[in-house]
């Protein structure tokens, strides 16, 4: 995100749950590793995403493959969300 001048806050606690990145006041980016985000862990994360959405946050979830091998997609998706004002 630094490449496009976006400041993020990492490991911010929202609704008693840590989020990987908070951009502005309302845009959350979650980064899922392969092994951790399956089964019960995945269901827990989906519940947390729904609670955040109900509190006015936009949650974008990316996996490790996207982050490592398609960072342009991650950046462009976050930039599009910001262009829509979803971080405010």
PDB file of N, CA and C in Angstrom:
ATOM      1  N   UNK A   1       0.814  -1.183   0.000  1.00  0.00           N
ATOM      2  CA  UNK A   1       0.000   0.000   0.000  1.00  0.00           C
ATOM      3  C   UNK A   1       0.869   1.263   0.000  1.00  0.00           C
ATOM      4  N   UNK A   2       2.070   1.122   0.503  1.00  0.00           N
ATOM      5  CA  UNK A   2       2.974   2.282   0.495  1.00  0.00           C
ATOM      6  C   UNK A   2       3.216   2.787  -0.921  1.00  0.00           C
ATOM      7  N   UNK A   3       3.196   1.858  -1.894  1.00  0.00           N
ATOM      8  CA  UNK A   3       3.489   2.251  -3.272  1.00  0.00           C
ATOM      9  C   UNK A   3       2.468   3.230  -3.833  1.00  0.00           C
ATOM     10  N   UNK A   4       1.284   3.273  -3.249  1.00  0.00           N
ATOM     11  CA  UNK A   4       0.278   4.246  -3.707  1.00  0.00           C
ATOM     12  C   UNK A   4      -0.006   5.298  -2.629  1.00  0.00           C
ATOM     13  N   UNK A   5       0.848   5.356  -1.614  1.00  0.00           N
ATOM     14  CA  UNK A   5       0.739   6.390  -0.606  1.00  0.00           C
ATOM     15  C   UNK A   5      -0.393   6.225   0.391  1.00  0.00           C
ATOM     16  N   UNK A   6      -0.800   4.987   0.622  1.00  0.00           N
ATOM     17  CA  UNK A   6      -1.894   4.731   1.553  1.00  0.00           C
ATOM     18  C   UNK A   6      -1.333   4.308   2.903  1.00  0.00           C
ATOM     19  N   UNK A   7      -1.762   4.995   3.934  1.00  0.00           N
ATOM     20  CA  UNK A   7      -1.352   4.649   5.286  1.00  0.00           C
ATOM     21  C   UNK A   7      -2.339   3.643   5.864  1.00  0.00           C
ATOM     22  N   UNK A   8      -1.805   2.597   6.454  1.00  0.00           N
ATOM     23  CA  UNK A   8      -2.659   1.598   7.099  1.00  0.00           C
ATOM     24  C   UNK A   8      -2.228   1.453   8.552  1.00  0.00           C
ATOM     25  N   UNK A   9      -3.177   1.033   9.355  1.00  0.00           N
ATOM     26  CA  UNK A   9      -2.862   0.671  10.740  1.00  0.00           C
ATOM     27  C   UNK A   9      -3.044  -0.833  10.839  1.00  0.00           C
ATOM     28  N   UNK A  10      -2.042  -1.509  11.379  1.00  0.00           N
ATOM     29  CA  UNK A  10      -2.055  -2.963  11.448  1.00  0.00           C
ATOM     30  C   UNK A  10      -2.478  -3.446  12.825  1.00  0.00           C
ATOM     31  N   UNK A  11      -3.153  -4.606  12.824  1.00  0.00           N
ATOM     32  CA  UNK A  11      -3.577  -5.281  14.048  1.00  0.00           C
ATOM     33  C   UNK A  11      -4.355  -4.344  14.983  1.00  0.00           C
ATOM     34  N   UNK A  12      -5.372  -3.720  14.416  1.00  0.00           N
ATOM     35  CA  UNK A  12      -6.271  -2.858  15.169  1.00  0.00           C
ATOM     36  C   UNK A  12      -7.417  -3.718  15.700  1.00  0.00           C
ATOM     37  N   UNK A  13      -7.821  -3.489  16.937  1.00  0.00           N
ATOM     38  CA  UNK A  13      -8.926  -4.242  17.530  1.00  0.00           C
ATOM     39  C   UNK A  13     -10.237  -3.514  17.266  1.00  0.00           C
ATOM     40  N   UNK A  14     -11.148  -4.188  16.604  1.00  0.00           N
ATOM     41  CA  UNK A  14     -12.493  -3.680  16.340  1.00  0.00           C
ATOM     42  C   UNK A  14     -13.487  -4.744  16.772  1.00  0.00           C
ATOM     43  N   UNK A  15     -14.483  -4.371  17.529  1.00  0.00           N
ATOM     44  CA  UNK A  15     -15.520  -5.314  17.956  1.00  0.00           C
ATOM     45  C   UNK A  15     -14.901  -6.540  18.643  1.00  0.00           C
ATOM     46  N   UNK A  16     -13.911  -6.305  19.492  1.00  0.00           N
ATOM     47  CA  UNK A  16     -13.219  -7.369  20.237  1.00  0.00           C
ATOM     48  C   UNK A  16     -12.558  -8.411  19.340  1.00  0.00           C
ATOM     49  N   UNK A  17     -12.103  -7.985  18.170  1.00  0.00           N
ATOM     50  CA  UNK A  17     -11.471  -8.888  17.210  1.00  0.00           C
ATOM     51  C   UNK A  17     -10.374  -8.107  16.480  1.00  0.00           C
ATOM     52  N   UNK A  18      -9.163  -8.663  16.368  1.00  0.00           N
ATOM     53  CA  UNK A  18      -8.122  -7.931  15.650  1.00  0.00           C
ATOM     54  C   UNK A  18      -8.340  -8.009  14.140  1.00  0.00           C
ATOM     55  N   UNK A  19      -8.101  -6.898  13.469  1.00  0.00           N
ATOM     56  CA  UNK A  19      -8.133  -6.891  12.006  1.00  0.00           C
ATOM     57  C   UNK A  19      -6.711  -6.675  11.515  1.00  0.00           C
ATOM     58  N   UNK A  20      -6.415  -7.236  10.358  1.00  0.00           N
ATOM     59  CA  UNK A  20      -5.056  -7.142   9.836  1.00  0.00           C
ATOM     60  C   UNK A  20      -4.681  -5.709   9.467  1.00  0.00           C
ATOM     61  N   UNK A  21      -5.604  -4.991   8.826  1.00  0.00           N
ATOM     62  CA  UNK A  21      -5.298  -3.630   8.404  1.00  0.00           C
ATOM     63  C   UNK A  21      -6.564  -2.787   8.421  1.00  0.00           C
ATOM     64  N   UNK A  22      -6.434  -1.587   8.949  1.00  0.00           N
ATOM     65  CA  UNK A  22      -7.515  -0.611   8.909  1.00  0.00           C
ATOM     66  C   UNK A  22      -7.018   0.574   8.105  1.00  0.00           C
ATOM     67  N   UNK A  23      -7.793   0.931   7.093  1.00  0.00           N
ATOM     68  CA  UNK A  23      -7.454   2.040   6.210  1.00  0.00           C
ATOM     69  C   UNK A  23      -8.508   3.116   6.429  1.00  0.00           C
ATOM     70  N   UNK A  24      -8.051   4.286   6.796  1.00  0.00           N
ATOM     71  CA  UNK A  24      -9.001   5.329   7.159  1.00  0.00           C
ATOM     72  C   UNK A  24      -9.749   4.901   8.409  1.00  0.00           C
ATOM     73  N   UNK A  25     -11.046   5.196   8.438  1.00  0.00           N
ATOM     74  CA  UNK A  25     -11.829   4.833   9.621  1.00  0.00           C
ATOM     75  C   UNK A  25     -12.733   3.628   9.411  1.00  0.00           C
ATOM     76  N   UNK A  26     -12.987   3.234   8.143  1.00  0.00           N
ATOM     77  CA  UNK A  26     -14.006   2.204   7.935  1.00  0.00           C
ATOM     78  C   UNK A  26     -13.666   1.124   6.914  1.00  0.00           C
ATOM     79  N   UNK A  27     -12.452   1.080   6.411  1.00  0.00           N
ATOM     80  CA  UNK A  27     -12.083   0.064   5.426  1.00  0.00           C
ATOM     81  C   UNK A  27     -11.109  -0.920   6.065  1.00  0.00           C
ATOM     82  N   UNK A  28     -11.530  -2.172   6.118  1.00  0.00           N
ATOM     83  CA  UNK A  28     -10.740  -3.231   6.732  1.00  0.00           C
ATOM     84  C   UNK A  28     -10.227  -4.170   5.642  1.00  0.00           C
ATOM     85  N   UNK A  29      -8.937  -4.481   5.693  1.00  0.00           N
ATOM     86  CA  UNK A  29      -8.353  -5.484   4.798  1.00  0.00           C
ATOM     87  C   UNK A  29      -7.884  -6.649   5.665  1.00  0.00           C
ATOM     88  N   UNK A  30      -8.392  -7.829   5.346  1.00  0.00           N
ATOM     89  CA  UNK A  30      -7.998  -9.041   6.060  1.00  0.00           C
ATOM     90  C   UNK A  30      -7.171  -9.906   5.109  1.00  0.00           C
ATOM     91  N   UNK A  31      -6.091 -10.454   5.617  1.00  0.00           N
ATOM     92  CA  UNK A  31      -5.174 -11.255   4.815  1.00  0.00           C
ATOM     93  C   UNK A  31      -5.151 -12.667   5.382  1.00  0.00           C
ATOM     94  N   UNK A  32      -5.620 -13.608   4.588  1.00  0.00           N
ATOM     95  CA  UNK A  32      -5.766 -14.989   5.038  1.00  0.00           C
ATOM     96  C   UNK A  32      -4.603 -15.854   4.575  1.00  0.00           C
ATOM     97  N   UNK A  33      -3.923 -16.485   5.523  1.00  0.00           N
ATOM     98  CA  UNK A  33      -2.945 -17.505   5.187  1.00  0.00           C
ATOM     99  C   UNK A  33      -3.671 -18.787   4.831  1.00  0.00           C
ATOM    100  N   UNK A  34      -3.032 -19.683   4.113  1.00  0.00           N
ATOM    101  CA  UNK A  34      -3.707 -20.891   3.624  1.00  0.00           C
ATOM    102  C   UNK A  34      -4.152 -21.809   4.753  1.00  0.00           C
ATOM    103  N   UNK A  35      -3.238 -22.193   5.608  1.00  0.00           N
ATOM    104  CA  UNK A  35      -3.548 -23.222   6.607  1.00  0.00           C
ATOM    105  C   UNK A  35      -4.502 -22.718   7.683  1.00  0.00           C
ATOM    106  N   UNK A  36      -4.379 -21.484   8.065  1.00  0.00           N
ATOM    107  CA  UNK A  36      -5.155 -20.971   9.196  1.00  0.00           C
ATOM    108  C   UNK A  36      -6.634 -20.783   8.869  1.00  0.00           C
ATOM    109  N   UNK A  37      -6.957 -20.457   7.661  1.00  0.00           N
ATOM    110  CA  UNK A  37      -8.327 -20.032   7.357  1.00  0.00           C
ATOM    111  C   UNK A  37      -9.147 -21.135   6.691  1.00  0.00           C
ATOM    112  N   UNK A  38      -9.361 -22.174   7.455  1.00  0.00           N
ATOM    113  CA  UNK A  38     -10.207 -23.279   7.026  1.00  0.00           C
ATOM    114  C   UNK A  38     -11.060 -23.687   8.219  1.00  0.00           C
ATOM    115  N   UNK A  39     -12.157 -24.337   7.961  1.00  0.00           N
ATOM    116  CA  UNK A  39     -12.976 -24.897   9.028  1.00  0.00           C
ATOM    117  C   UNK A  39     -13.462 -23.875  10.030  1.00  0.00           C
ATOM    118  N   UNK A  40     -13.268 -24.170  11.311  1.00  0.00           N
ATOM    119  CA  UNK A  40     -13.764 -23.318  12.391  1.00  0.00           C
ATOM    120  C   UNK A  40     -13.154 -21.919  12.342  1.00  0.00           C
ATOM    121  N   UNK A  41     -11.877 -21.815  11.978  1.00  0.00           N
ATOM    122  CA  UNK A  41     -11.249 -20.499  11.877  1.00  0.00           C
ATOM    123  C   UNK A  41     -11.933 -19.648  10.814  1.00  0.00           C
ATOM    124  N   UNK A  42     -12.246 -20.264   9.702  1.00  0.00           N
ATOM    125  CA  UNK A  42     -12.921 -19.560   8.609  1.00  0.00           C
ATOM    126  C   UNK A  42     -14.300 -19.083   9.051  1.00  0.00           C
ATOM    127  N   UNK A  43     -15.052 -19.943   9.712  1.00  0.00           N
ATOM    128  CA  UNK A  43     -16.391 -19.559  10.183  1.00  0.00           C
ATOM    129  C   UNK A  43     -16.307 -18.418  11.193  1.00  0.00           C
ATOM    130  N   UNK A  44     -15.336 -18.454  12.074  1.00  0.00           N
ATOM    131  CA  UNK A  44     -15.143 -17.373  13.045  1.00  0.00           C
ATOM    132  C   UNK A  44     -14.876 -16.058  12.326  1.00  0.00           C
ATOM    133  N   UNK A  45     -14.022 -16.099  11.308  1.00  0.00           N
ATOM    134  CA  UNK A  45     -13.691 -14.887  10.566  1.00  0.00           C
ATOM    135  C   UNK A  45     -14.892 -14.345   9.799  1.00  0.00           C
ATOM    136  N   UNK A  46     -15.686 -15.234   9.230  1.00  0.00           N
ATOM    137  CA  UNK A  46     -16.880 -14.787   8.505  1.00  0.00           C
ATOM    138  C   UNK A  46     -17.881 -14.126   9.449  1.00  0.00           C
ATOM    139  N   UNK A  47     -18.023 -14.681  10.646  1.00  0.00           N
ATOM    140  CA  UNK A  47     -18.903 -14.046  11.647  1.00  0.00           C
ATOM    141  C   UNK A  47     -18.382 -12.661  12.020  1.00  0.00           C
ATOM    142  N   UNK A  48     -17.086 -12.545  12.210  1.00  0.00           N
ATOM    143  CA  UNK A  48     -16.489 -11.247  12.554  1.00  0.00           C
ATOM    144  C   UNK A  48     -16.699 -10.247  11.413  1.00  0.00           C
ATOM    145  N   UNK A  49     -16.543 -10.702  10.165  1.00  0.00           N
ATOM    146  CA  UNK A  49     -16.772  -9.822   9.010  1.00  0.00           C
ATOM    147  C   UNK A  49     -18.204  -9.309   9.001  1.00  0.00           C
ATOM    148  N   UNK A  50     -19.156 -10.183   9.273  1.00  0.00           N
ATOM    149  CA  UNK A  50     -20.569  -9.778   9.276  1.00  0.00           C
ATOM    150  C   UNK A  50     -20.837  -8.754  10.379  1.00  0.00           C
ATOM    151  N   UNK A  51     -20.264  -8.976  11.557  1.00  0.00           N
ATOM    152  CA  UNK A  51     -20.446  -8.010  12.648  1.00  0.00           C
ATOM    153  C   UNK A  51     -19.857  -6.653  12.279  1.00  0.00           C
ATOM    154  N   UNK A  52     -18.692  -6.649  11.663  1.00  0.00           N
ATOM    155  CA  UNK A  52     -18.083  -5.390  11.254  1.00  0.00           C
ATOM    156  C   UNK A  52     -18.929  -4.685  10.196  1.00  0.00           C
ATOM    157  N   UNK A  53     -19.457  -5.443   9.246  1.00  0.00           N
ATOM    158  CA  UNK A  53     -20.314  -4.849   8.211  1.00  0.00           C
ATOM    159  C   UNK A  53     -21.541  -4.193   8.842  1.00  0.00           C
ATOM    160  N   UNK A  54     -22.112  -4.837   9.836  1.00  0.00           N
ATOM    161  CA  UNK A  54     -23.274  -4.271  10.506  1.00  0.00           C
ATOM    162  C   UNK A  54     -22.924  -3.008  11.292  1.00  0.00           C
ATOM    163  N   UNK A  55     -21.653  -2.831  11.611  1.00  0.00           N
ATOM    164  CA  UNK A  55     -21.201  -1.633  12.327  1.00  0.00           C
ATOM    165  C   UNK A  55     -20.700  -0.553  11.366  1.00  0.00           C
ATOM    166  N   UNK A  56     -20.864  -0.774  10.060  1.00  0.00           N
ATOM    167  CA  UNK A  56     -20.513   0.245   9.085  1.00  0.00           C
ATOM    168  C   UNK A  56     -19.152   0.120   8.439  1.00  0.00           C
ATOM    169  N   UNK A  57     -18.453  -0.976   8.692  1.00  0.00           N
ATOM    170  CA  UNK A  57     -17.148  -1.198   8.072  1.00  0.00           C
ATOM    171  C   UNK A  57     -17.311  -1.956   6.762  1.00  0.00           C
ATOM    172  N   UNK A  58     -16.409  -1.690   5.831  1.00  0.00           N
ATOM    173  CA  UNK A  58     -16.294  -2.506   4.627  1.00  0.00           C
ATOM    174  C   UNK A  58     -15.103  -3.425   4.845  1.00  0.00           C
ATOM    175  N   UNK A  59     -15.314  -4.728   4.661  1.00  0.00           N
ATOM    176  CA  UNK A  59     -14.256  -5.708   4.869  1.00  0.00           C
ATOM    177  C   UNK A  59     -13.886  -6.321   3.521  1.00  0.00           C
ATOM    178  N   UNK A  60     -12.625  -6.189   3.157  1.00  0.00           N
ATOM    179  CA  UNK A  60     -12.085  -6.838   1.964  1.00  0.00           C
ATOM    180  C   UNK A  60     -11.139  -7.923   2.443  1.00  0.00           C
ATOM    181  N   UNK A  61     -11.350  -9.139   1.961  1.00  0.00           N
ATOM    182  CA  UNK A  61     -10.556 -10.280   2.412  1.00  0.00           C
ATOM    183  C   UNK A  61      -9.753 -10.812   1.225  1.00  0.00           C
ATOM    184  N   UNK A  62      -8.447 -10.953   1.436  1.00  0.00           N
ATOM    185  CA  UNK A  62      -7.548 -11.444   0.396  1.00  0.00           C
ATOM    186  C   UNK A  62      -6.798 -12.653   0.934  1.00  0.00           C
ATOM    187  N   UNK A  63      -6.430 -13.560   0.037  1.00  0.00           N
ATOM    188  CA  UNK A  63      -5.656 -14.716   0.487  1.00  0.00           C
ATOM    189  C   UNK A  63      -4.177 -14.522   0.172  1.00  0.00           C
ATOM    190  N   UNK A  64      -3.369 -15.410   0.711  1.00  0.00           N
ATOM    191  CA  UNK A  64      -1.921 -15.304   0.573  1.00  0.00           C
ATOM    192  C   UNK A  64      -1.483 -15.352  -0.895  1.00  0.00           C
ATOM    193  N   UNK A  65      -2.135 -16.173  -1.684  1.00  0.00           N
ATOM    194  CA  UNK A  65      -1.822 -16.271  -3.117  1.00  0.00           C
ATOM    195  C   UNK A  65      -1.980 -14.913  -3.798  1.00  0.00           C
ATOM    196  N   UNK A  66      -3.082 -14.230  -3.516  1.00  0.00           N
ATOM    197  CA  UNK A  66      -3.307 -12.910  -4.113  1.00  0.00           C
ATOM    198  C   UNK A  66      -2.253 -11.917  -3.641  1.00  0.00           C
ATOM    199  N   UNK A  67      -1.963 -11.937  -2.362  1.00  0.00           N
ATOM    200  CA  UNK A  67      -1.020 -10.986  -1.793  1.00  0.00           C
ATOM    201  C   UNK A  67       0.382 -11.167  -2.379  1.00  0.00           C
ATOM    202  N   UNK A  68       0.819 -12.409  -2.497  1.00  0.00           N
ATOM    203  CA  UNK A  68       2.177 -12.672  -2.969  1.00  0.00           C
ATOM    204  C   UNK A  68       2.331 -12.621  -4.483  1.00  0.00           C
ATOM    205  N   UNK A  69       1.324 -13.130  -5.212  1.00  0.00           N
ATOM    206  CA  UNK A  69       1.487 -13.301  -6.652  1.00  0.00           C
ATOM    207  C   UNK A  69       0.621 -12.391  -7.503  1.00  0.00           C
ATOM    208  N   UNK A  70      -0.279 -11.640  -6.878  1.00  0.00           N
ATOM    209  CA  UNK A  70      -1.110 -10.701  -7.624  1.00  0.00           C
ATOM    210  C   UNK A  70      -1.341  -9.441  -6.790  1.00  0.00           C
ATOM    211  N   UNK A  71      -0.252  -8.841  -6.310  1.00  0.00           N
ATOM    212  CA  UNK A  71      -0.423  -7.670  -5.452  1.00  0.00           C
ATOM    213  C   UNK A  71      -1.104  -6.503  -6.169  1.00  0.00           C
ATOM    214  N   UNK A  72      -0.975  -6.449  -7.497  1.00  0.00           N
ATOM    215  CA  UNK A  72      -1.645  -5.383  -8.246  1.00  0.00           C
ATOM    216  C   UNK A  72      -3.161  -5.458  -8.063  1.00  0.00           C
ATOM    217  N   UNK A  73      -3.701  -6.677  -8.019  1.00  0.00           N
ATOM    218  CA  UNK A  73      -5.136  -6.854  -7.791  1.00  0.00           C
ATOM    219  C   UNK A  73      -5.528  -6.342  -6.403  1.00  0.00           C
ATOM    220  N   UNK A  74      -4.748  -6.702  -5.405  1.00  0.00           N
ATOM    221  CA  UNK A  74      -5.036  -6.265  -4.031  1.00  0.00           C
ATOM    222  C   UNK A  74      -5.014  -4.746  -3.963  1.00  0.00           C
ATOM    223  N   UNK A  75      -3.981  -4.148  -4.508  1.00  0.00           N
ATOM    224  CA  UNK A  75      -3.845  -2.692  -4.477  1.00  0.00           C
ATOM    225  C   UNK A  75      -4.973  -2.024  -5.246  1.00  0.00           C
ATOM    226  N   UNK A  76      -5.282  -2.519  -6.437  1.00  0.00           N
ATOM    227  CA  UNK A  76      -6.333  -1.873  -7.232  1.00  0.00           C
ATOM    228  C   UNK A  76      -7.708  -2.031  -6.587  1.00  0.00           C
ATOM    229  N   UNK A  77      -7.954  -3.131  -5.929  1.00  0.00           N
ATOM    230  CA  UNK A  77      -9.232  -3.330  -5.249  1.00  0.00           C
ATOM    231  C   UNK A  77      -9.364  -2.364  -4.073  1.00  0.00           C
ATOM    232  N   UNK A  78      -8.312  -2.243  -3.290  1.00  0.00           N
ATOM    233  CA  UNK A  78      -8.342  -1.304  -2.165  1.00  0.00           C
ATOM    234  C   UNK A  78      -8.451   0.131  -2.673  1.00  0.00           C
ATOM    235  N   UNK A  79      -7.717   0.460  -3.724  1.00  0.00           N
ATOM    236  CA  UNK A  79      -7.794   1.814  -4.293  1.00  0.00           C
ATOM    237  C   UNK A  79      -9.197   2.113  -4.801  1.00  0.00           C
ATOM    238  N   UNK A  80      -9.857   1.123  -5.408  1.00  0.00           N
ATOM    239  CA  UNK A  80     -11.235   1.319  -5.889  1.00  0.00           C
ATOM    240  C   UNK A  80     -12.188   1.558  -4.720  1.00  0.00           C
ATOM    241  N   UNK A  81     -11.996   0.818  -3.648  1.00  0.00           N
ATOM    242  CA  UNK A  81     -12.836   1.017  -2.455  1.00  0.00           C
ATOM    243  C   UNK A  81     -12.629   2.415  -1.883  1.00  0.00           C
ATOM    244  N   UNK A  82     -11.378   2.867  -1.864  1.00  0.00           N
ATOM    245  CA  UNK A  82     -11.094   4.195  -1.361  1.00  0.00           C
ATOM    246  C   UNK A  82     -11.681   5.270  -2.274  1.00  0.00           C
ATOM    247  N   UNK A  83     -11.627   5.041  -3.579  1.00  0.00           N
ATOM    248  CA  UNK A  83     -12.206   5.997  -4.537  1.00  0.00           C
ATOM    249  C   UNK A  83     -13.706   6.146  -4.319  1.00  0.00           C
ATOM    250  N   UNK A  84     -14.337   5.107  -3.805  1.00  0.00           N
ATOM    251  CA  UNK A  84     -15.764   5.149  -3.495  1.00  0.00           C
ATOM    252  C   UNK A  84     -16.028   5.739  -2.107  1.00  0.00           C
ATOM    253  N   UNK A  85     -14.968   6.091  -1.407  1.00  0.00           N
ATOM    254  CA  UNK A  85     -15.110   6.697  -0.087  1.00  0.00           C
ATOM    255  C   UNK A  85     -15.388   5.705   1.020  1.00  0.00           C
ATOM    256  N   UNK A  86     -15.135   4.430   0.785  1.00  0.00           N
ATOM    257  CA  UNK A  86     -15.462   3.401   1.784  1.00  0.00           C
ATOM    258  C   UNK A  86     -14.536   3.428   2.989  1.00  0.00           C
ATOM    259  N   UNK A  87     -13.454   4.165   2.907  1.00  0.00           N
ATOM    260  CA  UNK A  87     -12.534   4.278   4.039  1.00  0.00           C
ATOM    261  C   UNK A  87     -12.937   5.382   5.007  1.00  0.00           C
ATOM    262  N   UNK A  88     -13.837   6.245   4.588  1.00  0.00           N
ATOM    263  CA  UNK A  88     -14.244   7.386   5.435  1.00  0.00           C
ATOM    264  C   UNK A  88     -15.312   7.013   6.410  1.00  0.00           C
TER     265      UNK A  88
END
